[in-house]
């Protein structure tokens, strides 16, 4: 089953800051914007032992993000949105 990263029913005005979080836990991926769930689906995820990371564009250098990224944070476990921006890790 394929899932796209584009959700056309969720748009956000330009020139504003947003907190976006992607959580994967117990076979479910959930996408939040400003703490509000926008998308959810069951995803089969296999751990990755090595590889590359691309932020702001796809690995094939297409579909560039045309905005600003102020802060990026990753954790080794799923956190509720209200905990993600705190130091309570």
PDB file of N, CA and C in Angstrom:
ATOM      1  N   UNK A   1       0.854  -1.182   0.000  1.00  0.00           N
ATOM      2  CA  UNK A   1       0.000   0.000   0.000  1.00  0.00           C
ATOM      3  C   UNK A   1       0.899   1.244   0.000  1.00  0.00           C
ATOM      4  N   UNK A   2       0.635   2.182  -0.862  1.00  0.00           N
ATOM      5  CA  UNK A   2       1.426   3.412  -0.957  1.00  0.00           C
ATOM      6  C   UNK A   2       0.657   4.572  -0.332  1.00  0.00           C
ATOM      7  N   UNK A   3       1.388   5.451   0.321  1.00  0.00           N
ATOM      8  CA  UNK A   3       0.784   6.625   0.950  1.00  0.00           C
ATOM      9  C   UNK A   3       1.578   7.849   0.519  1.00  0.00           C
ATOM     10  N   UNK A   4       0.885   8.858   0.062  1.00  0.00           N
ATOM     11  CA  UNK A   4       1.571  10.072  -0.364  1.00  0.00           C
ATOM     12  C   UNK A   4       1.794  10.994   0.822  1.00  0.00           C
ATOM     13  N   UNK A   5       2.664  11.951   0.631  1.00  0.00           N
ATOM     14  CA  UNK A   5       2.972  12.929   1.665  1.00  0.00           C
ATOM     15  C   UNK A   5       2.172  14.206   1.474  1.00  0.00           C
ATOM     16  N   UNK A   6       1.210  14.185   0.588  1.00  0.00           N
ATOM     17  CA  UNK A   6       0.458  15.382   0.245  1.00  0.00           C
ATOM     18  C   UNK A   6      -1.001  15.215   0.650  1.00  0.00           C
ATOM     19  N   UNK A   7      -1.502  16.144   1.418  1.00  0.00           N
ATOM     20  CA  UNK A   7      -2.904  16.099   1.844  1.00  0.00           C
ATOM     21  C   UNK A   7      -3.564  17.397   1.413  1.00  0.00           C
ATOM     22  N   UNK A   8      -4.206  17.397   0.265  1.00  0.00           N
ATOM     23  CA  UNK A   8      -4.738  18.641  -0.300  1.00  0.00           C
ATOM     24  C   UNK A   8      -5.893  19.227   0.500  1.00  0.00           C
ATOM     25  N   UNK A   9      -6.514  18.474   1.401  1.00  0.00           N
ATOM     26  CA  UNK A   9      -7.605  19.069   2.187  1.00  0.00           C
ATOM     27  C   UNK A   9      -7.090  19.834   3.400  1.00  0.00           C
ATOM     28  N   UNK A  10      -5.780  19.772   3.659  1.00  0.00           N
ATOM     29  CA  UNK A  10      -5.188  20.513   4.773  1.00  0.00           C
ATOM     30  C   UNK A  10      -4.235  21.562   4.220  1.00  0.00           C
ATOM     31  N   UNK A  11      -4.700  22.788   4.136  1.00  0.00           N
ATOM     32  CA  UNK A  11      -3.845  23.879   3.671  1.00  0.00           C
ATOM     33  C   UNK A  11      -3.577  24.826   4.833  1.00  0.00           C
ATOM     34  N   UNK A  12      -2.489  25.566   4.732  1.00  0.00           N
ATOM     35  CA  UNK A  12      -2.084  26.479   5.801  1.00  0.00           C
ATOM     36  C   UNK A  12      -1.645  27.795   5.184  1.00  0.00           C
ATOM     37  N   UNK A  13      -2.101  28.921   5.729  1.00  0.00           N
ATOM     38  CA  UNK A  13      -1.738  30.224   5.170  1.00  0.00           C
ATOM     39  C   UNK A  13      -0.223  30.440   5.156  1.00  0.00           C
ATOM     40  N   UNK A  14       0.232  31.190   4.182  1.00  0.00           N
ATOM     41  CA  UNK A  14       1.644  31.549   4.074  1.00  0.00           C
ATOM     42  C   UNK A  14       2.023  32.588   5.122  1.00  0.00           C
ATOM     43  N   UNK A  15       3.320  32.745   5.317  1.00  0.00           N
ATOM     44  CA  UNK A  15       3.902  33.763   6.202  1.00  0.00           C
ATOM     45  C   UNK A  15       3.504  33.575   7.670  1.00  0.00           C
ATOM     46  N   UNK A  16       3.308  32.322   8.070  1.00  0.00           N
ATOM     47  CA  UNK A  16       3.053  31.985   9.471  1.00  0.00           C
ATOM     48  C   UNK A  16       3.935  30.812   9.841  1.00  0.00           C
ATOM     49  N   UNK A  17       4.291  30.697  11.130  1.00  0.00           N
ATOM     50  CA  UNK A  17       5.075  29.568  11.620  1.00  0.00           C
ATOM     51  C   UNK A  17       4.136  28.458  12.053  1.00  0.00           C
ATOM     52  N   UNK A  18       4.525  27.220  11.773  1.00  0.00           N
ATOM     53  CA  UNK A  18       3.735  26.051  12.162  1.00  0.00           C
ATOM     54  C   UNK A  18       4.653  25.028  12.820  1.00  0.00           C
ATOM     55  N   UNK A  19       4.102  24.280  13.748  1.00  0.00           N
ATOM     56  CA  UNK A  19       4.807  23.142  14.325  1.00  0.00           C
ATOM     57  C   UNK A  19       4.252  21.895  13.656  1.00  0.00           C
ATOM     58  N   UNK A  20       5.095  21.157  12.954  1.00  0.00           N
ATOM     59  CA  UNK A  20       4.677  19.921  12.296  1.00  0.00           C
ATOM     60  C   UNK A  20       5.377  18.756  12.978  1.00  0.00           C
ATOM     61  N   UNK A  21       4.637  17.695  13.247  1.00  0.00           N
ATOM     62  CA  UNK A  21       5.211  16.509  13.882  1.00  0.00           C
ATOM     63  C   UNK A  21       4.702  15.267  13.168  1.00  0.00           C
ATOM     64  N   UNK A  22       5.611  14.338  12.962  1.00  0.00           N
ATOM     65  CA  UNK A  22       5.275  13.060  12.370  1.00  0.00           C
ATOM     66  C   UNK A  22       5.629  11.993  13.389  1.00  0.00           C
ATOM     67  N   UNK A  23       4.659  11.186  13.767  1.00  0.00           N
ATOM     68  CA  UNK A  23       4.838  10.177  14.804  1.00  0.00           C
ATOM     69  C   UNK A  23       4.556   8.800  14.218  1.00  0.00           C
ATOM     70  N   UNK A  24       5.442   7.857  14.493  1.00  0.00           N
ATOM     71  CA  UNK A  24       5.208   6.476  14.107  1.00  0.00           C
ATOM     72  C   UNK A  24       5.268   5.636  15.369  1.00  0.00           C
ATOM     73  N   UNK A  25       4.174   4.940  15.665  1.00  0.00           N
ATOM     74  CA  UNK A  25       4.127   4.110  16.863  1.00  0.00           C
ATOM     75  C   UNK A  25       3.134   2.980  16.644  1.00  0.00           C
ATOM     76  N   UNK A  26       3.557   1.770  17.020  1.00  0.00           N
ATOM     77  CA  UNK A  26       2.692   0.594  16.947  1.00  0.00           C
ATOM     78  C   UNK A  26       2.029   0.403  15.579  1.00  0.00           C
ATOM     79  N   UNK A  27       2.792   0.646  14.512  1.00  0.00           N
ATOM     80  CA  UNK A  27       2.280   0.418  13.171  1.00  0.00           C
ATOM     81  C   UNK A  27       1.428   1.529  12.585  1.00  0.00           C
ATOM     82  N   UNK A  28       1.301   2.637  13.297  1.00  0.00           N
ATOM     83  CA  UNK A  28       0.488   3.761  12.815  1.00  0.00           C
ATOM     84  C   UNK A  28       1.345   5.016  12.695  1.00  0.00           C
ATOM     85  N   UNK A  29       1.214   5.704  11.572  1.00  0.00           N
ATOM     86  CA  UNK A  29       1.884   6.983  11.376  1.00  0.00           C
ATOM     87  C   UNK A  29       0.838   8.087  11.508  1.00  0.00           C
ATOM     88  N   UNK A  30       1.159   9.104  12.304  1.00  0.00           N
ATOM     89  CA  UNK A  30       0.238  10.220  12.534  1.00  0.00           C
ATOM     90  C   UNK A  30       0.971  11.523  12.245  1.00  0.00           C
ATOM     91  N   UNK A  31       0.318  12.408  11.542  1.00  0.00           N
ATOM     92  CA  UNK A  31       0.880  13.721  11.194  1.00  0.00           C
ATOM     93  C   UNK A  31       0.085  14.796  11.922  1.00  0.00           C
ATOM     94  N   UNK A  32       0.794  15.660  12.649  1.00  0.00           N
ATOM     95  CA  UNK A  32       0.173  16.756  13.392  1.00  0.00           C
ATOM     96  C   UNK A  32       0.690  18.094  12.875  1.00  0.00           C
ATOM     97  N   UNK A  33      -0.151  19.110  12.871  1.00  0.00           N
ATOM     98  CA  UNK A  33       0.263  20.487  12.641  1.00  0.00           C
ATOM     99  C   UNK A  33      -0.318  21.306  13.788  1.00  0.00           C
ATOM    100  N   UNK A  34       0.570  21.993  14.496  1.00  0.00           N
ATOM    101  CA  UNK A  34       0.195  22.775  15.682  1.00  0.00           C
ATOM    102  C   UNK A  34      -0.591  21.933  16.695  1.00  0.00           C
ATOM    103  N   UNK A  35      -0.177  20.676  16.838  1.00  0.00           N
ATOM    104  CA  UNK A  35      -0.788  19.794  17.824  1.00  0.00           C
ATOM    105  C   UNK A  35      -2.124  19.196  17.417  1.00  0.00           C
ATOM    106  N   UNK A  36      -2.573  19.483  16.194  1.00  0.00           N
ATOM    107  CA  UNK A  36      -3.852  18.961  15.712  1.00  0.00           C
ATOM    108  C   UNK A  36      -3.578  17.865  14.686  1.00  0.00           C
ATOM    109  N   UNK A  37      -4.155  16.701  14.914  1.00  0.00           N
ATOM    110  CA  UNK A  37      -3.959  15.596  13.990  1.00  0.00           C
ATOM    111  C   UNK A  37      -4.588  15.911  12.641  1.00  0.00           C
ATOM    112  N   UNK A  38      -3.798  15.718  11.566  1.00  0.00           N
ATOM    113  CA  UNK A  38      -4.310  15.943  10.216  1.00  0.00           C
ATOM    114  C   UNK A  38      -4.440  14.651   9.430  1.00  0.00           C
ATOM    115  N   UNK A  39      -3.508  13.743   9.597  1.00  0.00           N
ATOM    116  CA  UNK A  39      -3.559  12.489   8.849  1.00  0.00           C
ATOM    117  C   UNK A  39      -3.117  11.343   9.741  1.00  0.00           C
ATOM    118  N   UNK A  40      -3.642  10.155   9.437  1.00  0.00           N
ATOM    119  CA  UNK A  40      -3.272   8.946  10.178  1.00  0.00           C
ATOM    120  C   UNK A  40      -3.490   7.756   9.257  1.00  0.00           C
ATOM    121  N   UNK A  41      -2.566   6.791   9.319  1.00  0.00           N
ATOM    122  CA  UNK A  41      -2.751   5.570   8.550  1.00  0.00           C
ATOM    123  C   UNK A  41      -1.830   4.487   9.084  1.00  0.00           C
ATOM    124  N   UNK A  42      -2.188   3.253   8.823  1.00  0.00           N
ATOM    125  CA  UNK A  42      -1.346   2.114   9.179  1.00  0.00           C
ATOM    126  C   UNK A  42      -0.220   2.035   8.158  1.00  0.00           C
ATOM    127  N   UNK A  43       1.004   1.905   8.634  1.00  0.00           N
ATOM    128  CA  UNK A  43       2.179   1.860   7.773  1.00  0.00           C
ATOM    129  C   UNK A  43       3.067   0.712   8.227  1.00  0.00           C
ATOM    130  N   UNK A  44       3.534  -0.093   7.291  1.00  0.00           N
ATOM    131  CA  UNK A  44       4.522  -1.112   7.635  1.00  0.00           C
ATOM    132  C   UNK A  44       5.894  -0.458   7.550  1.00  0.00           C
ATOM    133  N   UNK A  45       6.547  -0.359   8.676  1.00  0.00           N
ATOM    134  CA  UNK A  45       7.840   0.319   8.745  1.00  0.00           C
ATOM    135  C   UNK A  45       8.915  -0.699   9.081  1.00  0.00           C
ATOM    136  N   UNK A  46       9.982  -0.701   8.304  1.00  0.00           N
ATOM    137  CA  UNK A  46      11.122  -1.558   8.571  1.00  0.00           C
ATOM    138  C   UNK A  46      12.286  -0.682   9.012  1.00  0.00           C
ATOM    139  N   UNK A  47      12.952  -1.025  10.094  1.00  0.00           N
ATOM    140  CA  UNK A  47      14.090  -0.218  10.561  1.00  0.00           C
ATOM    141  C   UNK A  47      15.153  -0.051   9.478  1.00  0.00           C
ATOM    142  N   UNK A  48      15.791   1.091   9.480  1.00  0.00           N
ATOM    143  CA  UNK A  48      16.838   1.414   8.514  1.00  0.00           C
ATOM    144  C   UNK A  48      18.169   1.404   9.249  1.00  0.00           C
ATOM    145  N   UNK A  49      19.118   0.647   8.752  1.00  0.00           N
ATOM    146  CA  UNK A  49      20.425   0.555   9.395  1.00  0.00           C
ATOM    147  C   UNK A  49      21.422   1.577   8.877  1.00  0.00           C
ATOM    148  N   UNK A  50      21.155   2.182   7.760  1.00  0.00           N
ATOM    149  CA  UNK A  50      22.055   3.180   7.187  1.00  0.00           C
ATOM    150  C   UNK A  50      21.313   3.922   6.098  1.00  0.00           C
ATOM    151  N   UNK A  51      21.843   5.035   5.686  1.00  0.00           N
ATOM    152  CA  UNK A  51      21.185   5.759   4.610  1.00  0.00           C
ATOM    153  C   UNK A  51      21.446   7.242   4.677  1.00  0.00           C
ATOM    154  N   UNK A  52      20.660   7.989   3.947  1.00  0.00           N
ATOM    155  CA  UNK A  52      20.801   9.432   3.859  1.00  0.00           C
ATOM    156  C   UNK A  52      19.528  10.112   4.329  1.00  0.00           C
ATOM    157  N   UNK A  53      19.658  11.371   4.687  1.00  0.00           N
ATOM    158  CA  UNK A  53      18.525  12.187   5.104  1.00  0.00           C
ATOM    159  C   UNK A  53      18.478  13.415   4.216  1.00  0.00           C
ATOM    160  N   UNK A  54      17.291  13.795   3.823  1.00  0.00           N
ATOM    161  CA  UNK A  54      17.115  15.002   3.035  1.00  0.00           C
ATOM    162  C   UNK A  54      15.990  15.817   3.666  1.00  0.00           C
ATOM    163  N   UNK A  55      16.285  17.042   4.026  1.00  0.00           N
ATOM    164  CA  UNK A  55      15.287  17.932   4.617  1.00  0.00           C
ATOM    165  C   UNK A  55      15.127  19.129   3.688  1.00  0.00           C
ATOM    166  N   UNK A  56      13.917  19.367   3.249  1.00  0.00           N
ATOM    167  CA  UNK A  56      13.663  20.503   2.368  1.00  0.00           C
ATOM    168  C   UNK A  56      13.490  20.128   0.912  1.00  0.00           C
ATOM    169  N   UNK A  57      13.816  18.897   0.555  1.00  0.00           N
ATOM    170  CA  UNK A  57      13.587  18.404  -0.798  1.00  0.00           C
ATOM    171  C   UNK A  57      13.607  16.881  -0.775  1.00  0.00           C
ATOM    172  N   UNK A  58      13.104  16.285  -1.819  1.00  0.00           N
ATOM    173  CA  UNK A  58      13.199  14.831  -1.926  1.00  0.00           C
ATOM    174  C   UNK A  58      14.635  14.441  -2.229  1.00  0.00           C
ATOM    175  N   UNK A  59      14.962  13.191  -2.024  1.00  0.00           N
ATOM    176  CA  UNK A  59      16.330  12.722  -2.271  1.00  0.00           C
ATOM    177  C   UNK A  59      16.748  12.916  -3.722  1.00  0.00           C
ATOM    178  N   UNK A  60      15.778  12.897  -4.645  1.00  0.00           N
ATOM    179  CA  UNK A  60      16.099  13.087  -6.055  1.00  0.00           C
ATOM    180  C   UNK A  60      16.100  14.572  -6.443  1.00  0.00           C
ATOM    181  N   UNK A  61      16.110  15.441  -5.426  1.00  0.00           N
ATOM    182  CA  UNK A  61      16.189  16.905  -5.607  1.00  0.00           C
ATOM    183  C   UNK A  61      15.026  17.454  -6.415  1.00  0.00           C
ATOM    184  N   UNK A  62      13.830  16.934  -6.166  1.00  0.00           N
ATOM    185  CA  UNK A  62      12.606  17.432  -6.777  1.00  0.00           C
ATOM    186  C   UNK A  62      11.677  17.891  -5.673  1.00  0.00           C
ATOM    187  N   UNK A  63      10.708  18.696  -6.006  1.00  0.00           N
ATOM    188  CA  UNK A  63       9.682  19.163  -5.065  1.00  0.00           C
ATOM    189  C   UNK A  63      10.291  19.863  -3.846  1.00  0.00           C
ATOM    190  N   UNK A  64      11.054  20.902  -4.106  1.00  0.00           N
ATOM    191  CA  UNK A  64      11.703  21.653  -3.034  1.00  0.00           C
ATOM    192  C   UNK A  64      10.683  22.325  -2.125  1.00  0.00           C
ATOM    193  N   UNK A  65      10.970  22.317  -0.836  1.00  0.00           N
ATOM    194  CA  UNK A  65      10.174  23.048   0.144  1.00  0.00           C
ATOM    195  C   UNK A  65      10.496  24.524  -0.023  1.00  0.00           C
ATOM    196  N   UNK A  66       9.491  25.348  -0.190  1.00  0.00           N
ATOM    197  CA  UNK A  66       9.698  26.782  -0.423  1.00  0.00           C
ATOM    198  C   UNK A  66       9.269  27.576   0.800  1.00  0.00           C
ATOM    199  N   UNK A  67       9.980  27.413   1.852  1.00  0.00           N
ATOM    200  CA  UNK A  67       9.669  28.108   3.091  1.00  0.00           C
ATOM    201  C   UNK A  67      10.901  28.135   3.971  1.00  0.00           C
ATOM    202  N   UNK A  68      10.702  28.331   5.229  1.00  0.00           N
ATOM    203  CA  UNK A  68      11.802  28.368   6.183  1.00  0.00           C
ATOM    204  C   UNK A  68      11.578  27.305   7.250  1.00  0.00           C
ATOM    205  N   UNK A  69      12.665  26.719   7.704  1.00  0.00           N
ATOM    206  CA  UNK A  69      12.621  25.763   8.807  1.00  0.00           C
ATOM    207  C   UNK A  69      13.383  26.392   9.955  1.00  0.00           C
ATOM    208  N   UNK A  70      12.713  26.613  11.051  1.00  0.00           N
ATOM    209  CA  UNK A  70      13.332  27.272  12.196  1.00  0.00           C
ATOM    210  C   UNK A  70      14.026  26.283  13.118  1.00  0.00           C
ATOM    211  N   UNK A  71      13.440  25.102  13.288  1.00  0.00           N
ATOM    212  CA  UNK A  71      13.929  24.185  14.302  1.00  0.00           C
ATOM    213  C   UNK A  71      13.538  22.765  13.921  1.00  0.00           C
ATOM    214  N   UNK A  72      14.450  21.825  14.090  1.00  0.00           N
ATOM    215  CA  UNK A  72      14.170  20.417  13.837  1.00  0.00           C
ATOM    216  C   UNK A  72      14.585  19.634  15.070  1.00  0.00           C
ATOM    217  N   UNK A  73      13.719  18.719  15.481  1.00  0.00           N
ATOM    218  CA  UNK A  73      14.036  17.877  16.633  1.00  0.00           C
ATOM    219  C   UNK A  73      13.537  16.473  16.346  1.00  0.00           C
ATOM    220  N   UNK A  74      14.365  15.475  16.649  1.00  0.00           N
ATOM    221  CA  UNK A  74      13.989  14.080  16.468  1.00  0.00           C
ATOM    222  C   UNK A  74      14.184  13.362  17.795  1.00  0.00           C
ATOM    223  N   UNK A  75      13.315  12.411  18.071  1.00  0.00           N
ATOM    224  CA  UNK A  75      13.432  11.634  19.296  1.00  0.00           C
ATOM    225  C   UNK A  75      13.424  10.150  18.958  1.00  0.00           C
ATOM    226  N   UNK A  76      13.848   9.346  19.903  1.00  0.00           N
ATOM    227  CA  UNK A  76      13.895   7.903  19.688  1.00  0.00           C
ATOM    228  C   UNK A  76      12.603   7.203  20.095  1.00  0.00           C
ATOM    229  N   UNK A  77      11.580   7.971  20.436  1.00  0.00           N
ATOM    230  CA  UNK A  77      10.287   7.392  20.794  1.00  0.00           C
ATOM    231  C   UNK A  77       9.183   8.389  20.473  1.00  0.00           C
ATOM    232  N   UNK A  78       7.977   7.881  20.380  1.00  0.00           N
ATOM    233  CA  UNK A  78       6.831   8.747  20.081  1.00  0.00           C
ATOM    234  C   UNK A  78       6.498   9.591  21.305  1.00  0.00           C
ATOM    235  N   UNK A  79       6.247  10.865  21.081  1.00  0.00           N
ATOM    236  CA  UNK A  79       5.850  11.780  22.146  1.00  0.00           C
ATOM    237  C   UNK A  79       4.517  12.412  21.791  1.00  0.00           C
ATOM    238  N   UNK A  80       3.688  12.714  22.778  1.00  0.00           N
ATOM    239  CA  UNK A  80       2.475  13.475  22.475  1.00  0.00           C
ATOM    240  C   UNK A  80       2.887  14.893  22.070  1.00  0.00           C
ATOM    241  N   UNK A  81       2.111  15.563  21.237  1.00  0.00           N
ATOM    242  CA  UNK A  81       2.501  16.893  20.753  1.00  0.00           C
ATOM    243  C   UNK A  81       2.870  17.872  21.856  1.00  0.00           C
ATOM    244  N   UNK A  82       2.175  17.832  22.990  1.00  0.00           N
ATOM    245  CA  UNK A  82       2.462  18.800  24.063  1.00  0.00           C
ATOM    246  C   UNK A  82       3.817  18.563  24.720  1.00  0.00           C
ATOM    247  N   UNK A  83       4.421  17.391  24.552  1.00  0.00           N
ATOM    248  CA  UNK A  83       5.736  17.096  25.133  1.00  0.00           C
ATOM    249  C   UNK A  83       6.882  17.352  24.146  1.00  0.00           C
ATOM    250  N   UNK A  84       6.571  17.412  22.887  1.00  0.00           N
ATOM    251  CA  UNK A  84       7.635  17.451  21.872  1.00  0.00           C
ATOM    252  C   UNK A  84       8.513  18.683  21.995  1.00  0.00           C
ATOM    253  N   UNK A  85       7.971  19.826  22.283  1.00  0.00           N
ATOM    254  CA  UNK A  85       8.750  21.058  22.341  1.00  0.00           C
ATOM    255  C   UNK A  85       9.260  21.368  23.749  1.00  0.00           C
ATOM    256  N   UNK A  86       9.123  20.441  24.683  1.00  0.00           N
ATOM    257  CA  UNK A  86       9.636  20.656  26.038  1.00  0.00           C
ATOM    258  C   UNK A  86      10.957  19.914  26.213  1.00  0.00           C
ATOM    259  N   UNK A  87      11.576  20.107  27.347  1.00  0.00           N
ATOM    260  CA  UNK A  87      12.825  19.393  27.664  1.00  0.00           C
ATOM    261  C   UNK A  87      12.553  18.106  28.418  1.00  0.00           C
ATOM    262  N   UNK A  88      11.304  17.683  28.486  1.00  0.00           N
ATOM    263  CA  UNK A  88      10.927  16.469  29.219  1.00  0.00           C
ATOM    264  C   UNK A  88      11.101  15.228  28.350  1.00  0.00           C
ATOM    265  N   UNK A  89      12.306  14.924  27.979  1.00  0.00           N
ATOM    266  CA  UNK A  89      12.559  13.742  27.161  1.00  0.00           C
ATOM    267  C   UNK A  89      13.077  12.651  28.051  1.00  0.00           C
TER     268      UNK A  89
END
